[in-house]
């Protein structure tokens, strides 16, 4: 075999081997991309399913609450038809307790207001007594001044005589 032909044979053989490998790699890359895309779509589907499940749970919760309220209304209506008194619900009980607390606080405020009025009256009386004391003191001083002047005059006269 000629060396050029041998080399070409080797190259052609290698090309044949390389060509299938590159096509296999390209096919694998396409499959990898397809798998990646399928994974992203699956993740989106899972997220969508999760959101739908959450919406369904919220709707179910709301529906259960509404059903409970409707049942209570039906029971109340049936009791009223039968003439039975309705038992106090927690709201009415709380309202009653709040009214009691309000009455108690109102009584305390009234007692405090009465004490304030009593103290104001006592304060006014004490102020009036103080004013009266000031007046009597000023009257006493006015009366005492002439007496004091007379005493001074008498002392001065006695000093002059001596």
C-alpha atoms as a PDB file:
ATOM      1  CA  UNK A   1       0.000   0.000   0.000  1.00  0.00           C
ATOM      2  CA  UNK A   2       1.183   3.451  -0.819  1.00  0.00           C
ATOM      3  CA  UNK A   3       1.824   5.694   2.087  1.00  0.00           C
ATOM      4  CA  UNK A   4      -0.522   8.388   0.723  1.00  0.00           C
ATOM      5  CA  UNK A   5      -3.265   5.890   0.240  1.00  0.00           C
ATOM      6  CA  UNK A   6      -2.710   4.458   3.685  1.00  0.00           C
ATOM      7  CA  UNK A   7      -2.895   7.907   5.139  1.00  0.00           C
ATOM      8  CA  UNK A   8      -6.075   8.676   3.204  1.00  0.00           C
ATOM      9  CA  UNK A   9      -7.576   5.402   4.310  1.00  0.00           C
ATOM     10  CA  UNK A  10      -6.789   6.240   7.880  1.00  0.00           C
ATOM     11  CA  UNK A  11      -8.230   9.723   7.489  1.00  0.00           C
ATOM     12  CA  UNK A  12     -11.339   8.452   5.808  1.00  0.00           C
ATOM     13  CA  UNK A  13     -11.782   5.883   8.551  1.00  0.00           C
ATOM     14  CA  UNK A  14     -11.329   8.556  11.157  1.00  0.00           C
ATOM     15  CA  UNK A  15     -13.750  10.840   9.366  1.00  0.00           C
ATOM     16  CA  UNK A  16     -16.254   8.082   9.334  1.00  0.00           C
ATOM     17  CA  UNK A  17     -15.716   7.552  13.042  1.00  0.00           C
ATOM     18  CA  UNK A  18     -15.789  11.313  13.823  1.00  0.00           C
ATOM     19  CA  UNK A  19     -18.885  11.975  11.738  1.00  0.00           C
ATOM     20  CA  UNK A  20     -21.057   9.485  13.604  1.00  0.00           C
ATOM     21  CA  UNK A  21     -19.724  10.821  16.929  1.00  0.00           C
ATOM     22  CA  UNK A  22     -20.592  14.430  16.096  1.00  0.00           C
ATOM     23  CA  UNK A  23     -24.042  13.417  14.926  1.00  0.00           C
ATOM     24  CA  UNK A  24     -24.427  11.380  18.128  1.00  0.00           C
ATOM     25  CA  UNK A  25     -23.288  14.378  20.192  1.00  0.00           C
ATOM     26  CA  UNK A  26     -25.711  16.653  18.358  1.00  0.00           C
ATOM     27  CA  UNK A  27     -28.512  14.154  18.961  1.00  0.00           C
ATOM     28  CA  UNK A  28     -27.548  13.966  22.641  1.00  0.00           C
ATOM     29  CA  UNK A  29     -27.484  17.754  22.897  1.00  0.00           C
ATOM     30  CA  UNK A  30     -30.944  17.949  21.312  1.00  0.00           C
ATOM     31  CA  UNK A  31     -32.176  15.291  23.701  1.00  0.00           C
ATOM     32  CA  UNK A  32     -30.581  17.163  26.625  1.00  0.00           C
ATOM     33  CA  UNK A  33     -32.287  20.374  25.564  1.00  0.00           C
ATOM     34  CA  UNK A  34     -35.575  18.523  25.194  1.00  0.00           C
ATOM     35  CA  UNK A  35     -35.142  17.033  28.675  1.00  0.00           C
ATOM     36  CA  UNK A  36     -34.323  20.501  30.088  1.00  0.00           C
ATOM     37  CA  UNK A  37     -37.376  21.985  28.387  1.00  0.00           C
ATOM     38  CA  UNK A  38     -39.523  19.122  29.659  1.00  0.00           C
ATOM     39  CA  UNK A  39     -38.131  19.742  33.184  1.00  0.00           C
ATOM     40  CA  UNK A  40     -38.987  23.453  32.981  1.00  0.00           C
ATOM     41  CA  UNK A  41     -42.473  22.636  31.719  1.00  0.00           C
ATOM     42  CA  UNK A  42     -42.891  20.089  34.518  1.00  0.00           C
ATOM     43  CA  UNK A  43     -41.805  22.679  37.102  1.00  0.00           C
ATOM     44  CA  UNK A  44     -44.276  25.177  35.678  1.00  0.00           C
ATOM     45  CA  UNK A  45     -46.990  22.524  35.738  1.00  0.00           C
ATOM     46  CA  UNK A  46     -46.174  21.728  39.369  1.00  0.00           C
ATOM     47  CA  UNK A  47     -46.332  25.431  40.251  1.00  0.00           C
ATOM     48  CA  UNK A  48     -49.646  25.826  38.415  1.00  0.00           C
ATOM     49  CA  UNK A  49     -51.022  22.755  40.175  1.00  0.00           C
ATOM     50  CA  UNK A  50     -49.850  24.147  43.522  1.00  0.00           C
ATOM     51  CA  UNK A  51     -51.555  27.489  42.868  1.00  0.00           C
ATOM     52  CA  UNK A  52     -54.770  25.767  41.813  1.00  0.00           C
ATOM     53  CA  UNK A  53     -54.661  23.615  44.940  1.00  0.00           C
ATOM     54  CA  UNK A  54     -54.214  26.724  47.106  1.00  0.00           C
ATOM     55  CA  UNK A  55     -57.133  28.447  45.351  1.00  0.00           C
ATOM     56  CA  UNK A  56     -59.284  25.363  45.869  1.00  0.00           C
ATOM     57  CA  UNK A  57     -58.315  25.248  49.560  1.00  0.00           C
ATOM     58  CA  UNK A  58     -59.227  28.921  50.031  1.00  0.00           C
ATOM     59  CA  UNK A  59     -62.535  28.410  48.257  1.00  0.00           C
ATOM     60  CA  UNK A  60     -63.258  25.329  50.364  1.00  0.00           C
ATOM     61  CA  UNK A  61     -62.474  27.247  53.548  1.00  0.00           C
ATOM     62  CA  UNK A  62     -64.786  30.087  52.518  1.00  0.00           C
ATOM     63  CA  UNK A  63     -67.500  27.636  51.546  1.00  0.00           C
ATOM     64  CA  UNK A  64     -67.199  25.827  54.880  1.00  0.00           C
ATOM     65  CA  UNK A  65     -67.493  29.100  56.770  1.00  0.00           C
ATOM     66  CA  UNK A  66     -70.546  30.056  54.742  1.00  0.00           C
ATOM     67  CA  UNK A  67     -72.061  26.610  55.296  1.00  0.00           C
ATOM     68  CA  UNK A  68     -71.519  26.947  59.043  1.00  0.00           C
ATOM     69  CA  UNK A  69     -73.226  30.349  59.069  1.00  0.00           C
ATOM     70  CA  UNK A  70     -76.155  29.043  57.029  1.00  0.00           C
ATOM     71  CA  UNK A  71     -76.575  26.090  59.385  1.00  0.00           C
ATOM     72  CA  UNK A  72     -76.586  28.430  62.386  1.00  0.00           C
ATOM     73  CA  UNK A  73     -79.189  30.621  60.706  1.00  0.00           C
ATOM     74  CA  UNK A  74     -81.301  27.560  59.932  1.00  0.00           C
ATOM     75  CA  UNK A  75     -81.083  26.379  63.544  1.00  0.00           C
ATOM     76  CA  UNK A  76     -82.022  29.834  64.826  1.00  0.00           C
ATOM     77  CA  UNK A  77     -84.966  29.938  62.454  1.00  0.00           C
ATOM     78  CA  UNK A  78     -86.105  26.501  63.601  1.00  0.00           C
ATOM     79  CA  UNK A  79     -85.812  27.515  67.268  1.00  0.00           C
ATOM     80  CA  UNK A  80     -87.831  30.659  66.623  1.00  0.00           C
ATOM     81  CA  UNK A  81     -90.503  28.604  64.851  1.00  0.00           C
ATOM     82  CA  UNK A  82     -90.672  26.250  67.804  1.00  0.00           C
ATOM     83  CA  UNK A  83     -90.757  29.165  70.233  1.00  0.00           C
ATOM     84  CA  UNK A  84     -87.563  28.291  72.049  1.00  0.00           C
ATOM     85  CA  UNK A  85     -85.216  30.999  73.235  1.00  0.00           C
ATOM     86  CA  UNK A  86     -81.910  31.164  71.457  1.00  0.00           C
ATOM     87  CA  UNK A  87     -78.890  30.491  73.610  1.00  0.00           C
ATOM     88  CA  UNK A  88     -76.511  33.384  74.066  1.00  0.00           C
ATOM     89  CA  UNK A  89     -73.776  33.307  71.525  1.00  0.00           C
ATOM     90  CA  UNK A  90     -70.267  34.426  72.467  1.00  0.00           C
ATOM     91  CA  UNK A  91     -70.780  37.863  70.934  1.00  0.00           C
ATOM     92  CA  UNK A  92     -73.793  38.596  73.100  1.00  0.00           C
ATOM     93  CA  UNK A  93     -71.930  37.311  76.145  1.00  0.00           C
ATOM     94  CA  UNK A  94     -69.000  39.613  75.424  1.00  0.00           C
ATOM     95  CA  UNK A  95     -71.358  42.523  74.842  1.00  0.00           C
ATOM     96  CA  UNK A  96     -73.023  41.849  78.190  1.00  0.00           C
ATOM     97  CA  UNK A  97     -69.655  41.735  79.947  1.00  0.00           C
ATOM     98  CA  UNK A  98     -68.626  44.987  78.269  1.00  0.00           C
ATOM     99  CA  UNK A  99     -71.872  46.663  79.400  1.00  0.00           C
ATOM    100  CA  UNK A 100     -71.208  45.548  82.997  1.00  0.00           C
ATOM    101  CA  UNK A 101     -67.671  46.905  82.827  1.00  0.00           C
ATOM    102  CA  UNK A 102     -68.987  50.174  81.384  1.00  0.00           C
ATOM    103  CA  UNK A 103     -71.544  50.495  84.187  1.00  0.00           C
ATOM    104  CA  UNK A 104     -68.831  49.829  86.775  1.00  0.00           C
ATOM    105  CA  UNK A 105     -66.502  52.399  85.197  1.00  0.00           C
ATOM    106  CA  UNK A 106     -69.362  54.897  84.994  1.00  0.00           C
ATOM    107  CA  UNK A 107     -70.067  54.428  88.713  1.00  0.00           C
ATOM    108  CA  UNK A 108     -66.416  54.989  89.509  1.00  0.00           C
ATOM    109  CA  UNK A 109     -66.405  58.165  87.411  1.00  0.00           C
ATOM    110  CA  UNK A 110     -69.528  59.411  89.204  1.00  0.00           C
ATOM    111  CA  UNK A 111     -67.922  58.768  92.612  1.00  0.00           C
ATOM    112  CA  UNK A 112     -64.743  60.532  91.482  1.00  0.00           C
ATOM    113  CA  UNK A 113     -66.756  63.513  90.222  1.00  0.00           C
ATOM    114  CA  UNK A 114     -68.610  63.709  93.558  1.00  0.00           C
ATOM    115  CA  UNK A 115     -65.284  63.673  95.413  1.00  0.00           C
ATOM    116  CA  UNK A 116     -63.956  66.431  93.146  1.00  0.00           C
ATOM    117  CA  UNK A 117     -67.058  68.574  93.775  1.00  0.00           C
ATOM    118  CA  UNK A 118     -66.730  68.003  97.561  1.00  0.00           C
ATOM    119  CA  UNK A 119     -63.044  68.973  97.474  1.00  0.00           C
ATOM    120  CA  UNK A 120     -63.798  72.065  95.382  1.00  0.00           C
ATOM    121  CA  UNK A 121     -66.446  73.107  97.909  1.00  0.00           C
ATOM    122  CA  UNK A 122     -64.017  72.605 100.801  1.00  0.00           C
ATOM    123  CA  UNK A 123     -61.371  74.542  98.897  1.00  0.00           C
ATOM    124  CA  UNK A 124     -63.797  77.416  98.315  1.00  0.00           C
ATOM    125  CA  UNK A 125     -64.715  77.433 102.036  1.00  0.00           C
ATOM    126  CA  UNK A 126     -61.040  77.491 103.060  1.00  0.00           C
ATOM    127  CA  UNK A 127     -60.347  80.335 100.632  1.00  0.00           C
ATOM    128  CA  UNK A 128     -63.296  82.282 102.039  1.00  0.00           C
ATOM    129  CA  UNK A 129     -62.009  81.740 105.579  1.00  0.00           C
ATOM    130  CA  UNK A 130     -58.542  82.893 104.517  1.00  0.00           C
ATOM    131  CA  UNK A 131     -60.007  86.010 102.927  1.00  0.00           C
ATOM    132  CA  UNK A 132     -62.010  86.695 106.072  1.00  0.00           C
ATOM    133  CA  UNK A 133     -58.871  86.249 108.175  1.00  0.00           C
ATOM    134  CA  UNK A 134     -57.004  88.690 105.931  1.00  0.00           C
ATOM    135  CA  UNK A 135     -59.811  91.223 106.266  1.00  0.00           C
ATOM    136  CA  UNK A 136     -59.980  90.900 110.046  1.00  0.00           C
ATOM    137  CA  UNK A 137     -56.196  91.143 110.248  1.00  0.00           C
ATOM    138  CA  UNK A 138     -56.185  94.274 108.091  1.00  0.00           C
ATOM    139  CA  UNK A 139     -58.991  95.757 110.244  1.00  0.00           C
ATOM    140  CA  UNK A 140     -57.024  94.894 113.376  1.00  0.00           C
ATOM    141  CA  UNK A 141     -53.930  96.545 111.917  1.00  0.00           C
ATOM    142  CA  UNK A 142     -55.947  99.658 111.052  1.00  0.00           C
ATOM    143  CA  UNK A 143     -57.270  99.806 114.589  1.00  0.00           C
ATOM    144  CA  UNK A 144     -53.860  99.030 116.029  1.00  0.00           C
ATOM    145  CA  UNK A 145     -52.091 101.806 114.108  1.00  0.00           C
ATOM    146  CA  UNK A 146     -53.748 104.658 115.972  1.00  0.00           C
ATOM    147  CA  UNK A 147     -53.166 102.863 119.267  1.00  0.00           C
ATOM    148  CA  UNK A 148     -49.536 102.394 118.315  1.00  0.00           C
ATOM    149  CA  UNK A 149     -49.260 106.072 117.463  1.00  0.00           C
ATOM    150  CA  UNK A 150     -50.763 107.012 120.802  1.00  0.00           C
ATOM    151  CA  UNK A 151     -48.323 104.696 122.599  1.00  0.00           C
ATOM    152  CA  UNK A 152     -45.409 106.296 120.762  1.00  0.00           C
ATOM    153  CA  UNK A 153     -46.651 109.742 121.557  1.00  0.00           C
ATOM    154  CA  UNK A 154     -46.969 108.832 125.225  1.00  0.00           C
ATOM    155  CA  UNK A 155     -43.460 107.384 125.213  1.00  0.00           C
ATOM    156  CA  UNK A 156     -42.110 110.471 123.513  1.00  0.00           C
ATOM    157  CA  UNK A 157     -43.811 112.699 126.058  1.00  0.00           C
ATOM    158  CA  UNK A 158     -42.476 110.696 128.953  1.00  0.00           C
ATOM    159  CA  UNK A 159     -38.995 110.898 127.463  1.00  0.00           C
ATOM    160  CA  UNK A 160     -39.326 114.631 127.060  1.00  0.00           C
ATOM    161  CA  UNK A 161     -40.487 115.055 130.642  1.00  0.00           C
ATOM    162  CA  UNK A 162     -37.627 113.179 132.040  1.00  0.00           C
END
